[in-house]
């Protein structure tokens, strides 16, 4: 079974605005802007996405290679983790 990845519950207020996500971290009152690629993944991350499903989605939606999708996904997840925005697994 693949690892589930989820946005930490109860710490963000967020909205989709013109294809991007704008979020407020309620703990420290900082804003986070997520581009259209991250916004495409956001609903799956809010509900608890499977890494393999996220990769496949990026490949299909954006027509990139699996390696490129993995690099982009890992960079995005690393940024979220660095801000303590992912649920511990």
N, C-alpha and C. Protein backbone atom coordinates (compact mmCIF):
# COMPACT_ATOMS: atom_id res chain seq x y z
N UNK A 1 0.84 -1.18 0.00
CA UNK A 1 0.00 0.00 0.00
C UNK A 1 0.89 1.25 0.00
N UNK A 2 0.52 2.20 -0.81
CA UNK A 2 1.29 3.43 -0.94
C UNK A 2 0.97 4.39 0.21
N UNK A 3 1.90 5.26 0.49
CA UNK A 3 1.76 6.24 1.56
C UNK A 3 0.68 7.27 1.23
N UNK A 4 -0.16 7.56 2.22
CA UNK A 4 -1.16 8.62 2.09
C UNK A 4 -0.53 9.93 2.53
N UNK A 5 -0.84 10.99 1.80
CA UNK A 5 -0.29 12.31 2.10
C UNK A 5 -1.47 13.24 2.28
N UNK A 6 -1.48 13.96 3.41
CA UNK A 6 -2.64 14.80 3.70
C UNK A 6 -2.21 16.13 4.31
N UNK A 7 -2.93 17.17 3.89
CA UNK A 7 -2.75 18.49 4.50
C UNK A 7 -3.19 18.40 5.96
N UNK A 8 -2.42 19.00 6.83
CA UNK A 8 -2.73 18.99 8.27
C UNK A 8 -4.10 19.64 8.50
N UNK A 9 -4.92 18.96 9.23
CA UNK A 9 -6.28 19.44 9.50
C UNK A 9 -6.28 20.55 10.56
N UNK A 10 -7.15 21.52 10.36
CA UNK A 10 -7.39 22.53 11.36
C UNK A 10 -6.37 23.65 11.44
N UNK A 11 -5.39 23.68 10.54
CA UNK A 11 -4.39 24.74 10.63
C UNK A 11 -4.46 25.73 9.45
N UNK A 12 -5.24 25.40 8.44
CA UNK A 12 -5.34 26.27 7.26
C UNK A 12 -6.77 26.65 6.96
N UNK A 13 -6.94 27.89 6.55
CA UNK A 13 -8.15 28.33 5.87
C UNK A 13 -7.70 28.60 4.44
N UNK A 14 -8.43 28.07 3.46
CA UNK A 14 -7.98 28.23 2.08
C UNK A 14 -9.15 28.42 1.13
N UNK A 15 -8.84 29.02 0.00
CA UNK A 15 -9.81 29.24 -1.07
C UNK A 15 -9.09 29.09 -2.40
N UNK A 16 -9.85 28.67 -3.40
CA UNK A 16 -9.33 28.67 -4.77
C UNK A 16 -9.70 30.01 -5.38
N UNK A 17 -8.70 30.68 -5.95
CA UNK A 17 -8.88 31.98 -6.57
C UNK A 17 -8.21 31.95 -7.94
N UNK A 18 -9.02 32.02 -8.98
CA UNK A 18 -8.52 32.05 -10.35
C UNK A 18 -7.53 30.92 -10.63
N UNK A 19 -7.89 29.72 -10.22
CA UNK A 19 -7.08 28.54 -10.52
C UNK A 19 -5.90 28.31 -9.61
N UNK A 20 -5.73 29.15 -8.61
CA UNK A 20 -4.66 28.97 -7.64
C UNK A 20 -5.27 28.87 -6.24
N UNK A 21 -4.49 28.35 -5.31
CA UNK A 21 -4.94 28.23 -3.92
C UNK A 21 -4.26 29.33 -3.11
N UNK A 22 -5.05 30.02 -2.32
CA UNK A 22 -4.54 30.98 -1.35
C UNK A 22 -4.95 30.46 0.02
N UNK A 23 -3.97 30.26 0.87
CA UNK A 23 -4.23 29.67 2.19
C UNK A 23 -3.63 30.54 3.28
N UNK A 24 -4.28 30.54 4.41
CA UNK A 24 -3.80 31.24 5.59
C UNK A 24 -3.49 30.19 6.66
N UNK A 25 -2.24 30.18 7.11
CA UNK A 25 -1.85 29.31 8.22
C UNK A 25 -2.34 29.98 9.50
N UNK A 26 -3.31 29.38 10.15
CA UNK A 26 -3.93 29.98 11.32
C UNK A 26 -3.00 30.03 12.53
N UNK A 27 -1.97 29.22 12.52
CA UNK A 27 -1.06 29.19 13.66
C UNK A 27 -0.17 30.42 13.73
N UNK A 28 0.28 30.89 12.56
CA UNK A 28 1.22 32.01 12.56
C UNK A 28 0.79 33.16 11.65
N UNK A 29 -0.44 33.05 11.12
CA UNK A 29 -1.04 34.11 10.31
C UNK A 29 -0.21 34.43 9.06
N UNK A 30 0.40 33.42 8.46
CA UNK A 30 1.12 33.62 7.21
C UNK A 30 0.31 33.06 6.05
N UNK A 31 0.46 33.72 4.91
CA UNK A 31 -0.24 33.30 3.71
C UNK A 31 0.64 32.39 2.87
N UNK A 32 -0.01 31.49 2.19
CA UNK A 32 0.64 30.57 1.28
C UNK A 32 -0.10 30.66 -0.04
N UNK A 33 0.63 30.85 -1.12
CA UNK A 33 0.03 30.84 -2.46
C UNK A 33 0.50 29.59 -3.17
N UNK A 34 -0.43 28.86 -3.75
CA UNK A 34 -0.13 27.61 -4.44
C UNK A 34 -0.49 27.79 -5.91
N UNK A 35 0.47 27.53 -6.80
CA UNK A 35 0.24 27.73 -8.23
C UNK A 35 -0.74 26.71 -8.79
N UNK A 36 -1.01 26.82 -10.07
CA UNK A 36 -2.04 25.96 -10.68
C UNK A 36 -1.70 24.48 -10.62
N UNK A 37 -0.43 24.13 -10.68
CA UNK A 37 -0.05 22.72 -10.57
C UNK A 37 -0.36 22.20 -9.17
N UNK A 38 0.07 22.94 -8.16
CA UNK A 38 -0.24 22.56 -6.79
C UNK A 38 -1.73 22.59 -6.51
N UNK A 39 -2.43 23.57 -7.11
CA UNK A 39 -3.88 23.67 -6.93
C UNK A 39 -4.60 22.45 -7.51
N UNK A 40 -4.05 21.87 -8.58
CA UNK A 40 -4.64 20.67 -9.17
C UNK A 40 -4.54 19.49 -8.20
N UNK A 41 -3.49 19.46 -7.39
CA UNK A 41 -3.29 18.39 -6.42
C UNK A 41 -4.00 18.65 -5.10
N UNK A 42 -4.31 19.89 -4.82
CA UNK A 42 -4.80 20.30 -3.50
C UNK A 42 -5.99 19.49 -3.00
N UNK A 43 -7.06 19.30 -3.80
CA UNK A 43 -8.20 18.53 -3.27
C UNK A 43 -7.80 17.12 -2.81
N UNK A 44 -6.91 16.48 -3.54
CA UNK A 44 -6.45 15.15 -3.13
C UNK A 44 -5.63 15.21 -1.85
N UNK A 45 -4.88 16.27 -1.68
CA UNK A 45 -4.08 16.41 -0.47
C UNK A 45 -4.95 16.74 0.74
N UNK A 46 -6.01 17.47 0.53
CA UNK A 46 -6.92 17.79 1.63
C UNK A 46 -7.62 16.52 2.12
N UNK A 47 -8.01 15.66 1.18
CA UNK A 47 -8.72 14.44 1.56
C UNK A 47 -7.79 13.28 1.90
N UNK A 48 -6.52 13.40 1.61
CA UNK A 48 -5.56 12.33 1.87
C UNK A 48 -5.24 11.57 0.62
N UNK A 49 -4.31 12.07 -0.16
CA UNK A 49 -3.97 11.47 -1.45
C UNK A 49 -2.91 10.41 -1.35
N UNK A 50 -2.95 9.51 -2.29
CA UNK A 50 -1.96 8.46 -2.44
C UNK A 50 -0.86 8.98 -3.38
N UNK A 51 0.39 8.84 -2.98
CA UNK A 51 1.50 9.40 -3.77
C UNK A 51 1.48 8.90 -5.21
N UNK A 52 1.24 7.63 -5.42
CA UNK A 52 1.23 7.08 -6.78
C UNK A 52 0.10 7.68 -7.61
N UNK A 53 -1.05 7.87 -6.99
CA UNK A 53 -2.18 8.50 -7.69
C UNK A 53 -1.86 9.95 -8.04
N UNK A 54 -1.21 10.66 -7.13
CA UNK A 54 -0.82 12.04 -7.39
C UNK A 54 0.15 12.12 -8.57
N UNK A 55 1.11 11.22 -8.59
CA UNK A 55 2.07 11.18 -9.71
C UNK A 55 1.36 10.91 -11.04
N UNK A 56 0.52 9.91 -11.05
CA UNK A 56 -0.20 9.57 -12.28
C UNK A 56 -1.06 10.73 -12.75
N UNK A 57 -1.67 11.43 -11.82
CA UNK A 57 -2.50 12.58 -12.16
C UNK A 57 -1.67 13.68 -12.82
N UNK A 58 -0.50 13.97 -12.26
CA UNK A 58 0.37 15.00 -12.84
C UNK A 58 0.80 14.63 -14.25
N UNK A 59 1.17 13.38 -14.45
CA UNK A 59 1.60 12.91 -15.77
C UNK A 59 0.46 13.10 -16.78
N UNK A 60 -0.73 12.68 -16.39
CA UNK A 60 -1.87 12.75 -17.31
C UNK A 60 -2.32 14.19 -17.54
N UNK A 61 -2.46 14.95 -16.49
CA UNK A 61 -3.00 16.32 -16.59
C UNK A 61 -2.06 17.28 -17.31
N UNK A 62 -0.77 17.15 -17.05
CA UNK A 62 0.18 18.12 -17.58
C UNK A 62 1.08 17.57 -18.67
N UNK A 63 0.95 16.28 -18.99
CA UNK A 63 1.72 15.70 -20.07
C UNK A 63 3.22 15.70 -19.84
N UNK A 64 3.62 15.53 -18.59
CA UNK A 64 5.05 15.49 -18.26
C UNK A 64 5.48 14.05 -18.02
N UNK A 65 6.78 13.84 -18.02
CA UNK A 65 7.28 12.50 -17.75
C UNK A 65 7.06 12.16 -16.27
N UNK A 66 7.11 10.88 -15.98
CA UNK A 66 6.96 10.44 -14.58
C UNK A 66 8.09 11.01 -13.72
N UNK A 67 9.30 11.06 -14.27
CA UNK A 67 10.42 11.62 -13.51
C UNK A 67 10.20 13.10 -13.19
N UNK A 68 9.73 13.86 -14.18
CA UNK A 68 9.46 15.28 -13.95
C UNK A 68 8.33 15.45 -12.93
N UNK A 69 7.28 14.63 -13.07
CA UNK A 69 6.16 14.69 -12.12
C UNK A 69 6.66 14.38 -10.70
N UNK A 70 7.52 13.39 -10.57
CA UNK A 70 8.04 13.02 -9.26
C UNK A 70 8.88 14.15 -8.67
N UNK A 71 9.72 14.76 -9.49
CA UNK A 71 10.53 15.89 -9.02
C UNK A 71 9.65 17.04 -8.54
N UNK A 72 8.63 17.37 -9.35
CA UNK A 72 7.74 18.48 -9.00
C UNK A 72 6.93 18.16 -7.74
N UNK A 73 6.41 16.94 -7.66
CA UNK A 73 5.63 16.54 -6.50
C UNK A 73 6.49 16.57 -5.24
N UNK A 74 7.69 16.01 -5.33
CA UNK A 74 8.57 15.98 -4.16
C UNK A 74 8.94 17.39 -3.70
N UNK A 75 9.18 18.30 -4.65
CA UNK A 75 9.51 19.68 -4.29
C UNK A 75 8.32 20.35 -3.58
N UNK A 76 7.12 20.13 -4.11
CA UNK A 76 5.92 20.71 -3.52
C UNK A 76 5.67 20.15 -2.12
N UNK A 77 5.77 18.84 -1.99
CA UNK A 77 5.56 18.21 -0.69
C UNK A 77 6.63 18.62 0.32
N UNK A 78 7.84 18.80 -0.15
CA UNK A 78 8.92 19.24 0.73
C UNK A 78 8.64 20.65 1.25
N UNK A 79 8.13 21.51 0.38
CA UNK A 79 7.77 22.86 0.80
C UNK A 79 6.66 22.83 1.85
N UNK A 80 5.64 22.02 1.61
CA UNK A 80 4.55 21.90 2.58
C UNK A 80 5.05 21.32 3.90
N UNK A 81 5.87 20.29 3.83
CA UNK A 81 6.41 19.67 5.05
C UNK A 81 7.29 20.66 5.80
N UNK A 82 8.07 21.46 5.08
CA UNK A 82 8.93 22.45 5.70
C UNK A 82 8.16 23.49 6.49
N UNK A 83 6.90 23.68 6.12
CA UNK A 83 6.04 24.62 6.84
C UNK A 83 5.11 23.89 7.82
N UNK A 84 5.39 22.61 8.03
CA UNK A 84 4.62 21.76 8.95
C UNK A 84 3.14 21.73 8.58
N UNK A 85 2.86 21.60 7.27
CA UNK A 85 1.49 21.60 6.78
C UNK A 85 0.99 20.22 6.36
N UNK A 86 1.80 19.19 6.57
CA UNK A 86 1.37 17.83 6.24
C UNK A 86 1.15 17.04 7.53
N UNK A 87 0.11 16.20 7.51
CA UNK A 87 -0.16 15.33 8.64
C UNK A 87 0.99 14.34 8.78
N UNK A 88 1.39 14.04 10.00
CA UNK A 88 2.41 12.99 10.18
C UNK A 88 1.83 11.64 9.77
N UNK A 89 2.69 10.81 9.17
CA UNK A 89 2.25 9.48 8.76
C UNK A 89 2.89 8.42 9.61
